[in-house]
Amino acid sequence: MKRHVLVALAALIPLATPSRAEDGGFRAGAAMSNITPLMGVPLDGTIMQIGPAKHVHDELWARCLAFDDGQSRLALVVVDCTMVSREVFDAAKRQIELETGIPPDRVCISATHSHSTPRALVGLVDDRLHRGYLDFLANRVADGVRRAVNNLAPAEIGWGGFEEPRFVHNRRWFIDPALWATNANPFGDTGERVKMNPGREGLAKPAGPVDPECFVVSVRHRDGRPIAALGAYGLHYIGGVPGGTVSADYFGVFAKRLRENLGAADLDPPFVGLMANGTSGDINAVDYSAPAERFPPYERMNFVGAELARQAAEAIGRFEHRHAGVTLAAASAELDLAVRKPDAKRLEWARKTAAPPGETKRLTRPQVYARETLMLAEYPDRVSLPLRAFRVGGLAIAQSPCETFAETGLAIKAASPFPKATFTIELANGFYGYLPPPGHFDWGGYETWPARSSLLEETAEAKIRAKLIELIGQTAAPK
């Protein structure tokens, strides 16, 4: 990736350093940066075949929030993209450090995982518009954080959660044992016990829990005027968006409706609503134990976003906001993990199954996974993952660079030294595929099939979970 900075001038640009507010208290600032793609930018993913962007239903944004305790700063950014490569986020963080002085390990940038947005992955496709979007995205994220820092003002913060179980359902189901023998994966193997999005026939029970909590962080001026509010909810996305149409899904609806609910439509600087994706790797809004429902385009995402925003606004009204003693801390680590590389038998299958070079027809599912197998074979044997934890006052934020299952998020909360004040943001600071807990590999299902969408070793979840809990503990330790 190109770094759009004038290196020759870098030494002449002083790094911005935190300046203590007059009363020595907590400050915050927020801003939004438009990241809507050009028409024609591909919306395809590692597995999904969507095609190029042809229309925009609602604009996409990088929603930015900066904190300053007089000694250090943190920044949180939520981008309306399906997933983003670490290289793109790192390019943005280099610019952010140059322009604001905030170190890269004190910037959390996460993707919402709306499926009607670009997959900002390096090397995903050989396409000029795609490559251009990666540079554009990094620049716009950096601009947004810079503007959020410009808006820093004396502030107070409050947080809490509410439960909304209507919209979160585990999409992985154990199926009737009588169906195991015919339940085949893309590689032709049968016997898997779990299916993703399995329909409504032959179901036994969900293959995991859900986390119904929507956590909310409210930031406002000392006089009560809202600055920003961040939600985190473990729901994959809603959908109902026509093919080729760009939309931020319920994440964008939440942000818009929350601004209205808080009476913050005409503030200067503008109020910023953010909805981060919690731990939703195995969660969606479809209840397979109930009869199927159909909705017109956009109806369901509008309803879910509006309901979460309504309840978030009500919760914010109950929060105790504080500014005295709100300090910031961060802890980070690089975790080295193995890649699940294909063996000789799988490679032979992939070479026989892969689509011919230059194939323009829609690929079959086996052809998709044959392509993925050949790509995994070219991956390095090991990868290094960025793991981060932030503390803001008595609030802890864990950051996972994977599509993380609900049970992992629940386990992190349970082990945190910040009871009832911990949440996890997934797809943060990079993209390394699904993160199934170890037992799920024996059960099978889409999230476990080796591909760029599920590439890490089978013990990865336990290692990541343990390290994130450790990092949260480090932020709680005296400095």
Protein backbone atom coordinates (compact mmCIF):
# COMPACT_ATOMS: atom_id res chain seq x y z
CA MET A 1 0.00 0.00 0.00
CA LYS A 2 1.15 3.53 -0.75
CA ARG A 3 1.54 5.93 2.13
CA HIS A 4 0.08 9.24 1.05
CA VAL A 5 2.40 11.41 3.12
CA LEU A 6 5.27 13.66 2.12
CA VAL A 7 8.11 11.87 3.83
CA ALA A 8 10.51 14.70 3.11
CA LEU A 9 8.33 17.02 5.19
CA ALA A 10 7.66 14.57 7.99
CA ALA A 11 10.52 15.86 10.13
CA LEU A 12 9.10 19.38 9.88
CA ILE A 13 5.65 18.40 11.20
CA PRO A 14 5.53 18.35 15.01
CA LEU A 15 3.66 15.46 16.54
CA ALA A 16 0.56 16.54 18.38
CA THR A 17 0.82 15.83 22.09
CA PRO A 18 -1.95 15.61 24.66
CA SER A 19 -2.64 18.87 26.48
CA ARG A 20 -4.39 18.72 29.81
CA ALA A 21 -7.80 20.34 30.01
CA GLU A 22 -7.91 23.44 32.22
CA ASP A 23 -9.29 21.48 35.17
CA GLY A 24 -7.07 18.47 34.54
CA GLY A 25 -9.98 16.34 33.39
CA PHE A 26 -11.14 14.03 30.67
CA ARG A 27 -11.66 15.24 27.09
CA ALA A 28 -13.30 13.65 24.05
CA GLY A 29 -13.97 14.51 20.42
CA ALA A 30 -15.73 12.83 17.51
CA ALA A 31 -15.99 13.13 13.73
CA MET A 32 -17.21 11.25 10.65
CA SER A 33 -15.38 10.68 7.38
CA ASN A 34 -17.24 9.52 4.24
CA ILE A 35 -15.90 6.21 2.84
CA THR A 36 -18.59 5.47 0.23
CA PRO A 37 -16.98 3.64 -2.73
CA LEU A 38 -17.10 4.66 -6.35
CA MET A 39 -19.58 2.78 -8.49
CA GLY A 40 -17.84 -0.28 -9.88
CA VAL A 41 -15.77 -1.06 -6.79
CA PRO A 42 -16.15 -4.84 -6.24
CA LEU A 43 -18.30 -6.00 -3.33
CA ASP A 44 -17.14 -9.63 -3.64
CA GLY A 45 -15.58 -11.39 -0.66
CA THR A 46 -13.34 -14.38 -0.18
CA ILE A 47 -16.40 -16.64 -0.51
CA MET A 48 -19.33 -14.46 -1.59
CA GLN A 49 -19.82 -13.48 -5.23
CA ILE A 50 -21.73 -10.19 -5.28
CA GLY A 51 -20.27 -8.18 -8.14
CA PRO A 52 -19.55 -4.44 -8.35
CA ALA A 53 -21.27 -1.57 -6.57
CA LYS A 54 -24.08 -0.28 -8.80
CA HIS A 55 -26.09 1.94 -6.46
CA VAL A 56 -25.90 3.59 -3.04
CA HIS A 57 -28.84 3.35 -0.65
CA ASP A 58 -27.06 5.11 2.21
CA GLU A 59 -23.58 6.53 2.55
CA LEU A 60 -20.77 4.68 4.31
CA TRP A 61 -18.71 6.29 7.06
CA ALA A 62 -15.64 5.97 9.22
CA ARG A 63 -17.04 7.04 12.60
CA CYS A 64 -14.28 8.27 14.89
CA LEU A 65 -14.04 8.91 18.63
CA ALA A 66 -10.95 10.24 20.44
CA PHE A 67 -10.22 10.35 24.18
CA ASP A 68 -7.63 12.40 26.09
CA ASP A 69 -6.91 12.18 29.83
CA GLY A 70 -4.20 14.86 29.81
CA GLN A 71 -1.42 12.28 29.70
CA SER A 72 -2.33 10.07 26.75
CA ARG A 73 -4.89 9.50 24.03
CA LEU A 74 -6.94 6.67 22.58
CA ALA A 75 -8.94 6.56 19.36
CA LEU A 76 -11.80 4.27 18.32
CA VAL A 77 -12.95 4.05 14.69
CA VAL A 78 -15.81 1.98 13.28
CA VAL A 79 -15.82 1.69 9.49
CA ASP A 80 -18.75 0.61 7.35
CA CYS A 81 -16.89 -2.20 5.57
CA THR A 82 -17.37 -5.96 5.64
CA MET A 83 -13.79 -6.62 6.68
CA VAL A 84 -10.46 -4.82 6.28
CA SER A 85 -6.90 -6.12 5.97
CA ARG A 86 -4.42 -5.26 8.66
CA GLU A 87 -2.24 -3.58 6.01
CA VAL A 88 -4.99 -1.04 5.31
CA PHE A 89 -5.57 -0.30 8.98
CA ASP A 90 -1.82 -0.07 9.59
CA ALA A 91 -1.48 2.46 6.75
CA ALA A 92 -4.18 4.57 8.38
CA LYS A 93 -2.51 4.27 11.78
CA ARG A 94 0.83 5.46 10.40
CA GLN A 95 -0.86 8.59 9.12
CA ILE A 96 -2.73 9.04 12.40
CA GLU A 97 0.51 8.87 14.38
CA LEU A 98 2.21 11.34 12.06
CA GLU A 99 -0.69 13.81 12.24
CA THR A 100 -1.84 13.44 15.88
CA GLY A 101 0.90 11.68 17.80
CA ILE A 102 -1.40 8.80 18.82
CA PRO A 103 0.65 5.58 18.61
CA PRO A 104 -0.73 2.76 16.43
CA ASP A 105 -1.37 0.46 19.40
CA ARG A 106 -3.67 3.11 20.87
CA VAL A 107 -5.93 3.23 17.83
CA CYS A 108 -8.69 0.64 17.42
CA ILE A 109 -10.19 0.48 13.92
CA SER A 110 -12.89 -2.10 13.32
CA ALA A 111 -15.20 -3.18 10.49
CA THR A 112 -18.96 -3.51 10.96
CA HIS A 113 -19.30 -6.54 8.65
CA SER A 114 -22.29 -5.18 6.78
CA HIS A 115 -22.41 -7.44 3.69
CA SER A 116 -23.51 -4.60 1.41
CA THR A 117 -20.14 -2.83 1.66
CA PRO A 118 -16.66 -3.38 0.19
CA ARG A 119 -14.37 -6.12 1.46
CA ALA A 120 -11.24 -4.01 1.87
CA LEU A 121 -8.75 -6.88 1.66
CA VAL A 122 -5.30 -6.57 0.12
CA GLY A 123 -4.92 -8.95 -2.84
CA LEU A 124 -8.58 -9.97 -2.85
CA VAL A 125 -9.02 -9.23 -6.56
CA ASP A 126 -6.81 -7.86 -9.31
CA ASP A 127 -8.88 -4.74 -9.90
CA ARG A 128 -7.83 -1.10 -10.24
CA LEU A 129 -10.90 0.28 -8.48
CA HIS A 130 -10.46 -2.15 -5.59
CA ARG A 131 -6.82 -1.17 -5.09
CA GLY A 132 -7.77 2.50 -5.26
CA TYR A 133 -10.42 1.99 -2.60
CA LEU A 134 -7.88 0.52 -0.17
CA ASP A 135 -5.75 3.69 -0.35
CA PHE A 136 -8.83 5.92 -0.19
CA LEU A 137 -10.11 4.10 2.89
CA ALA A 138 -6.83 4.43 4.79
CA ASN A 139 -6.65 8.15 4.02
CA ARG A 140 -10.24 8.85 5.01
CA VAL A 141 -9.91 6.97 8.30
CA ALA A 142 -6.81 8.98 9.16
CA ASP A 143 -8.60 12.22 8.26
CA GLY A 144 -11.52 11.29 10.50
CA VAL A 145 -9.32 10.65 13.54
CA ARG A 146 -7.45 13.88 12.94
CA ARG A 147 -10.75 15.78 12.93
CA ALA A 148 -11.95 13.97 16.06
CA VAL A 149 -8.76 15.10 17.80
CA ASN A 150 -9.38 18.64 16.58
CA ASN A 151 -12.79 18.44 18.29
CA LEU A 152 -11.44 17.38 21.70
CA ALA A 153 -13.31 19.22 24.46
CA PRO A 154 -13.88 18.78 28.20
CA ALA A 155 -16.21 15.80 28.48
CA GLU A 156 -17.83 13.23 30.70
CA ILE A 157 -18.53 9.57 30.04
CA GLY A 158 -21.05 6.96 31.11
CA TRP A 159 -21.71 3.37 30.13
CA GLY A 160 -23.93 0.37 30.65
CA GLY A 161 -25.90 -2.25 28.76
CA PHE A 162 -29.34 -3.57 28.05
CA GLU A 163 -30.47 -6.95 26.80
CA GLU A 164 -32.22 -7.35 23.46
CA PRO A 165 -32.60 -11.07 22.70
CA ARG A 166 -35.13 -10.73 19.85
CA PHE A 167 -32.50 -10.15 17.17
CA VAL A 168 -29.69 -12.54 18.11
CA HIS A 169 -29.90 -16.24 17.21
CA ASN A 170 -27.15 -18.81 16.83
CA ARG A 171 -26.98 -19.68 13.13
CA ARG A 172 -25.06 -22.93 13.69
CA TRP A 173 -27.33 -25.88 14.45
CA PHE A 174 -26.81 -29.51 15.26
CA ILE A 175 -28.84 -31.50 12.77
CA ASP A 176 -30.68 -34.79 13.24
CA PRO A 177 -28.14 -37.66 13.45
CA ALA A 178 -30.06 -39.41 10.66
CA LEU A 179 -28.83 -36.62 8.32
CA TRP A 180 -25.14 -36.73 9.22
CA ALA A 181 -24.23 -39.34 6.63
CA THR A 182 -25.51 -37.18 3.76
CA ASN A 183 -24.40 -33.78 5.09
CA ALA A 184 -21.47 -32.99 2.77
CA ASN A 185 -19.02 -30.09 2.90
CA PRO A 186 -17.55 -28.46 -0.27
CA PHE A 187 -14.64 -30.91 -0.28
CA GLY A 188 -16.98 -33.90 -0.64
CA ASP A 189 -16.61 -35.12 2.95
CA THR A 190 -19.77 -36.25 4.75
CA GLY A 191 -20.66 -36.72 8.39
CA GLU A 192 -20.68 -33.14 9.66
CA ARG A 193 -23.03 -32.66 12.60
CA VAL A 194 -23.51 -28.89 12.38
CA LYS A 195 -24.84 -26.68 9.58
CA MET A 196 -24.84 -22.92 9.27
CA ASN A 197 -28.18 -21.36 8.27
CA PRO A 198 -29.66 -24.88 8.13
CA GLY A 199 -33.25 -24.22 7.16
CA ARG A 200 -36.04 -25.49 9.38
CA GLU A 201 -36.14 -29.24 8.82
CA GLY A 202 -34.18 -31.88 10.72
CA LEU A 203 -32.83 -29.56 13.42
CA ALA A 204 -31.74 -30.71 16.86
CA LYS A 205 -30.44 -27.68 18.82
CA PRO A 206 -28.24 -24.58 18.42
CA ALA A 207 -24.51 -25.27 18.52
CA GLY A 208 -23.74 -22.40 20.86
CA PRO A 209 -25.09 -19.54 22.98
CA VAL A 210 -25.93 -15.95 22.09
CA ASP A 211 -24.98 -12.72 23.86
CA PRO A 212 -28.12 -10.56 24.04
CA GLU A 213 -26.39 -7.55 25.60
CA CYS A 214 -26.06 -4.32 23.68
CA PHE A 215 -23.35 -2.36 25.45
CA VAL A 216 -23.48 1.44 25.17
CA VAL A 217 -20.88 4.10 25.88
CA SER A 218 -22.12 7.71 26.09
CA VAL A 219 -19.79 10.69 25.76
CA ARG A 220 -21.03 14.24 26.26
CA HIS A 221 -19.88 17.76 26.99
CA ARG A 222 -19.79 18.86 30.62
CA ASP A 223 -23.02 20.80 30.05
CA GLY A 224 -24.79 17.63 28.87
CA ARG A 225 -24.67 18.16 25.09
CA PRO A 226 -23.97 14.81 23.39
CA ILE A 227 -20.64 14.30 21.65
CA ALA A 228 -20.92 10.64 20.64
CA ALA A 229 -22.36 7.30 21.67
CA LEU A 230 -20.91 3.89 20.87
CA GLY A 231 -22.94 0.70 20.81
CA ALA A 232 -21.58 -2.86 20.56
CA TYR A 233 -23.94 -5.71 19.74
CA GLY A 234 -23.21 -9.30 18.73
CA LEU A 235 -25.27 -9.44 15.54
CA HIS A 236 -23.68 -10.39 12.21
CA TYR A 237 -25.78 -8.04 10.02
CA ILE A 238 -29.40 -7.93 8.82
CA GLY A 239 -29.33 -7.77 5.02
CA GLY A 240 -32.35 -7.37 2.82
CA VAL A 241 -30.30 -5.11 0.55
CA PRO A 242 -30.62 -5.63 -3.24
CA GLY A 243 -27.53 -7.02 -4.96
CA GLY A 244 -24.97 -4.39 -5.97
CA THR A 245 -26.44 -1.77 -3.62
CA VAL A 246 -24.24 -0.16 -0.98
CA SER A 247 -25.64 0.16 2.55
CA ALA A 248 -24.32 0.37 6.10
CA ASP A 249 -27.13 -1.98 7.20
CA TYR A 250 -28.50 -1.70 10.75
CA PHE A 251 -25.22 -0.22 11.97
CA GLY A 252 -25.91 2.95 9.97
CA VAL A 253 -29.58 3.03 10.96
CA PHE A 254 -28.61 2.84 14.64
CA ALA A 255 -26.25 5.80 14.30
CA LYS A 256 -28.82 7.97 12.52
CA ARG A 257 -31.74 7.16 14.79
CA LEU A 258 -29.70 7.52 17.97
CA ARG A 259 -28.77 11.06 16.95
CA GLU A 260 -32.47 11.82 16.52
CA ASN A 261 -33.47 10.13 19.78
CA LEU A 262 -30.92 12.12 21.74
CA GLY A 263 -32.03 15.41 20.17
CA ALA A 264 -28.56 15.85 18.73
CA ALA A 265 -29.38 16.56 15.08
CA ASP A 266 -28.12 20.17 14.94
CA LEU A 267 -25.08 20.20 17.18
CA ASP A 268 -21.76 21.80 16.29
CA PRO A 269 -19.50 19.81 16.16
CA PRO A 270 -21.93 17.16 14.93
CA PHE A 271 -22.91 14.26 17.17
CA VAL A 272 -21.46 10.91 16.06
CA GLY A 273 -23.23 7.60 16.62
CA LEU A 274 -21.24 4.39 16.30
CA MET A 275 -22.31 0.75 16.34
CA ALA A 276 -19.45 -1.74 16.51
CA ASN A 277 -19.87 -5.43 15.83
CA GLY A 278 -19.55 -7.43 19.03
CA THR A 279 -18.90 -11.17 19.00
CA SER A 280 -21.19 -12.34 16.21
CA GLY A 281 -19.20 -14.91 14.23
CA ASP A 282 -21.94 -17.50 14.75
CA ILE A 283 -24.91 -15.15 15.28
CA ASN A 284 -27.52 -13.68 12.96
CA ALA A 285 -31.09 -12.37 13.21
CA VAL A 286 -32.85 -15.49 11.89
CA ASP A 287 -34.65 -17.75 14.37
CA TYR A 288 -34.61 -21.18 12.73
CA SER A 289 -36.87 -22.58 15.42
CA ALA A 290 -39.74 -20.34 14.22
CA PRO A 291 -41.60 -20.11 10.90
CA ALA A 292 -39.80 -18.21 8.14
CA GLU A 293 -40.58 -14.52 7.67
CA ARG A 294 -40.06 -12.34 4.61
CA PHE A 295 -39.53 -8.57 4.66
CA PRO A 296 -39.38 -5.92 1.92
CA PRO A 297 -35.90 -4.50 1.19
CA TYR A 298 -34.47 -2.45 4.07
CA GLU A 299 -37.50 -2.98 6.34
CA ARG A 300 -35.89 -5.36 8.80
CA MET A 301 -32.59 -3.50 9.09
CA ASN A 302 -34.48 -0.26 9.69
CA PHE A 303 -36.56 -1.86 12.42
CA VAL A 304 -33.62 -3.49 14.22
CA GLY A 305 -31.45 -0.36 14.03
CA ALA A 306 -34.28 1.84 15.26
CA GLU A 307 -35.16 -0.46 18.15
CA LEU A 308 -31.58 -0.68 19.35
CA ALA A 309 -31.23 3.11 19.07
CA ARG A 310 -34.43 3.68 21.03
CA GLN A 311 -33.30 1.47 23.87
CA ALA A 312 -29.78 2.91 23.79
CA ALA A 313 -31.14 6.44 24.19
CA GLU A 314 -33.28 5.33 27.12
CA ALA A 315 -30.27 3.63 28.72
CA ILE A 316 -28.11 6.73 28.27
CA GLY A 317 -30.70 8.71 30.20
CA ARG A 318 -30.06 6.42 33.17
CA PHE A 319 -26.25 6.49 33.04
CA GLU A 320 -24.11 8.20 35.62
CA HIS A 321 -21.70 10.34 33.60
CA ARG A 322 -18.37 11.27 35.15
CA HIS A 323 -15.20 13.14 34.26
CA ALA A 324 -13.09 13.18 37.40
CA GLY A 325 -10.51 10.43 37.53
CA VAL A 326 -11.24 9.08 34.03
CA THR A 327 -7.82 7.83 32.94
CA LEU A 328 -6.82 5.89 29.85
CA ALA A 329 -4.72 2.75 29.41
CA ALA A 330 -3.88 0.34 26.62
CA ALA A 331 -2.17 -3.02 26.32
CA SER A 332 -1.17 -4.85 23.15
CA ALA A 333 0.47 -8.03 21.95
CA GLU A 334 1.39 -9.81 18.74
CA LEU A 335 0.22 -13.43 18.76
CA ASP A 336 1.96 -15.88 16.43
CA LEU A 337 -0.40 -18.56 15.09
CA ALA A 338 -0.20 -21.35 12.52
CA VAL A 339 -2.17 -21.34 9.27
CA ARG A 340 -4.23 -24.43 8.39
CA LYS A 341 -2.40 -25.30 5.19
CA PRO A 342 -3.86 -27.96 2.85
CA ASP A 343 -2.24 -31.39 2.68
CA ALA A 344 -1.28 -33.19 -0.53
CA LYS A 345 -4.65 -34.94 -0.87
CA ARG A 346 -6.60 -31.69 -0.53
CA LEU A 347 -4.32 -29.95 -3.01
CA GLU A 348 -4.85 -32.71 -5.55
CA TRP A 349 -8.61 -32.32 -5.14
CA ALA A 350 -8.33 -28.54 -5.55
CA ARG A 351 -6.33 -28.76 -8.78
CA LYS A 352 -8.90 -31.12 -10.29
CA THR A 353 -11.87 -29.06 -9.09
CA ALA A 354 -10.74 -25.47 -9.66
CA ALA A 355 -12.39 -23.44 -12.42
CA PRO A 356 -10.35 -22.96 -15.59
CA PRO A 357 -8.18 -19.82 -15.70
CA GLY A 358 -10.17 -16.81 -16.84
CA GLU A 359 -13.54 -18.40 -16.01
CA THR A 360 -16.21 -15.69 -15.99
CA LYS A 361 -19.22 -17.77 -14.94
CA ARG A 362 -20.36 -17.82 -11.33
CA LEU A 363 -18.28 -20.42 -9.48
CA THR A 364 -19.84 -23.47 -7.85
CA ARG A 365 -19.27 -23.94 -4.13
CA PRO A 366 -16.63 -26.66 -4.70
CA GLN A 367 -14.88 -24.37 -7.21
CA VAL A 368 -14.82 -21.54 -4.66
CA TYR A 369 -13.22 -23.78 -2.06
CA ALA A 370 -10.80 -25.25 -4.60
CA ARG A 371 -9.62 -21.70 -5.30
CA GLU A 372 -9.38 -21.01 -1.56
CA THR A 373 -7.37 -24.21 -1.04
CA LEU A 374 -4.84 -23.20 -3.68
CA MET A 375 -4.58 -19.72 -2.15
CA LEU A 376 -4.05 -21.10 1.36
CA ALA A 377 -1.23 -23.24 -0.02
CA GLU A 378 0.58 -19.99 -0.93
CA TYR A 379 0.06 -18.44 2.52
CA PRO A 380 2.94 -18.29 5.01
CA ASP A 381 2.98 -21.11 7.53
CA ARG A 382 2.39 -18.67 10.39
CA VAL A 383 0.80 -15.24 10.82
CA SER A 384 1.08 -12.59 13.52
CA LEU A 385 -2.19 -11.20 14.88
CA PRO A 386 -2.57 -7.81 16.61
CA LEU A 387 -4.42 -8.13 19.92
CA ARG A 388 -5.41 -5.03 21.88
CA ALA A 389 -7.27 -3.96 25.01
CA PHE A 390 -8.23 -0.41 26.06
CA ARG A 391 -9.36 0.92 29.40
CA VAL A 392 -11.35 4.15 29.67
CA GLY A 393 -11.96 4.85 33.34
CA GLY A 394 -13.56 1.65 34.63
CA LEU A 395 -14.53 0.41 31.17
CA ALA A 396 -12.60 -2.30 29.29
CA ILE A 397 -12.67 -2.87 25.52
CA ALA A 398 -11.14 -6.06 24.10
CA GLN A 399 -10.31 -6.12 20.38
CA SER A 400 -10.29 -9.31 18.30
CA PRO A 401 -9.19 -9.31 14.63
CA CYS A 402 -11.44 -12.27 13.81
CA GLU A 403 -15.12 -13.11 13.37
CA THR A 404 -15.45 -14.14 16.99
CA PHE A 405 -18.11 -16.48 18.38
CA ALA A 406 -20.56 -15.38 21.09
CA GLU A 407 -19.23 -17.93 23.57
CA THR A 408 -15.78 -16.36 23.33
CA GLY A 409 -17.15 -12.90 24.05
CA LEU A 410 -19.12 -14.21 27.02
CA ALA A 411 -16.00 -15.93 28.38
CA ILE A 412 -13.97 -12.72 28.11
CA LYS A 413 -16.65 -10.79 30.00
CA ALA A 414 -16.82 -13.44 32.71
CA ALA A 415 -13.05 -13.37 33.28
CA SER A 416 -12.60 -9.58 33.10
CA PRO A 417 -11.55 -7.63 36.20
CA PHE A 418 -14.11 -5.00 35.12
CA PRO A 419 -17.44 -6.66 36.01
CA LYS A 420 -20.38 -5.50 33.91
CA ALA A 421 -18.11 -3.03 32.10
CA THR A 422 -16.35 -5.13 29.45
CA PHE A 423 -17.18 -5.79 25.83
CA THR A 424 -15.33 -7.11 22.78
CA ILE A 425 -15.17 -5.54 19.33
CA GLU A 426 -14.54 -8.06 16.56
CA LEU A 427 -12.86 -7.54 13.17
CA ALA A 428 -10.65 -4.98 14.93
CA ASN A 429 -7.25 -3.95 13.58
CA GLY A 430 -7.29 -6.57 10.82
CA PHE A 431 -9.03 -9.62 9.38
CA TYR A 432 -8.01 -13.21 10.08
CA GLY A 433 -11.22 -15.11 9.39
CA TYR A 434 -13.56 -17.01 11.68
CA LEU A 435 -12.50 -18.01 15.19
CA PRO A 436 -14.38 -21.20 16.12
CA PRO A 437 -13.70 -22.60 19.61
CA PRO A 438 -11.86 -25.94 19.32
CA GLY A 439 -14.84 -28.32 19.62
CA HIS A 440 -16.54 -26.76 16.61
CA PHE A 441 -13.95 -28.17 14.21
CA ASP A 442 -15.11 -31.67 15.08
CA TRP A 443 -18.72 -30.69 14.42
CA GLY A 444 -18.04 -29.00 11.07
CA GLY A 445 -20.01 -26.29 9.30
CA TYR A 446 -19.14 -23.30 7.12
CA GLU A 447 -17.18 -21.38 9.74
CA THR A 448 -14.72 -24.28 10.12
CA TRP A 449 -14.00 -24.98 6.43
CA PRO A 450 -10.37 -24.06 5.58
CA ALA A 451 -10.24 -20.95 3.39
CA ARG A 452 -9.12 -17.35 3.64
CA SER A 453 -12.32 -16.94 5.66
CA SER A 454 -11.18 -19.57 8.21
CA LEU A 455 -7.42 -19.96 8.13
CA LEU A 456 -6.14 -20.11 11.70
CA GLU A 457 -5.02 -23.19 13.62
CA GLU A 458 -7.70 -25.06 15.56
CA THR A 459 -6.30 -23.90 18.92
CA ALA A 460 -6.40 -20.22 17.92
CA GLU A 461 -9.54 -19.31 19.86
CA ALA A 462 -8.20 -20.51 23.21
CA LYS A 463 -4.92 -18.64 22.68
CA ILE A 464 -6.61 -15.41 21.56
CA ARG A 465 -9.17 -15.52 24.36
CA ALA A 466 -6.49 -16.06 27.00
CA LYS A 467 -4.31 -13.28 25.63
CA LEU A 468 -7.17 -10.77 25.47
CA ILE A 469 -8.12 -11.52 29.08
CA GLU A 470 -4.45 -11.05 30.03
CA LEU A 471 -4.31 -7.71 28.19
CA ILE A 472 -7.45 -6.44 29.93
CA GLY A 473 -5.78 -7.30 33.22
CA GLN A 474 -2.70 -5.33 32.21
CA THR A 475 -4.77 -2.20 31.63
CA ALA A 476 -6.14 -2.54 35.17
CA ALA A 477 -2.68 -2.69 36.74
CA PRO A 478 -1.18 0.47 38.26
CA LYS A 479 1.06 2.33 35.83
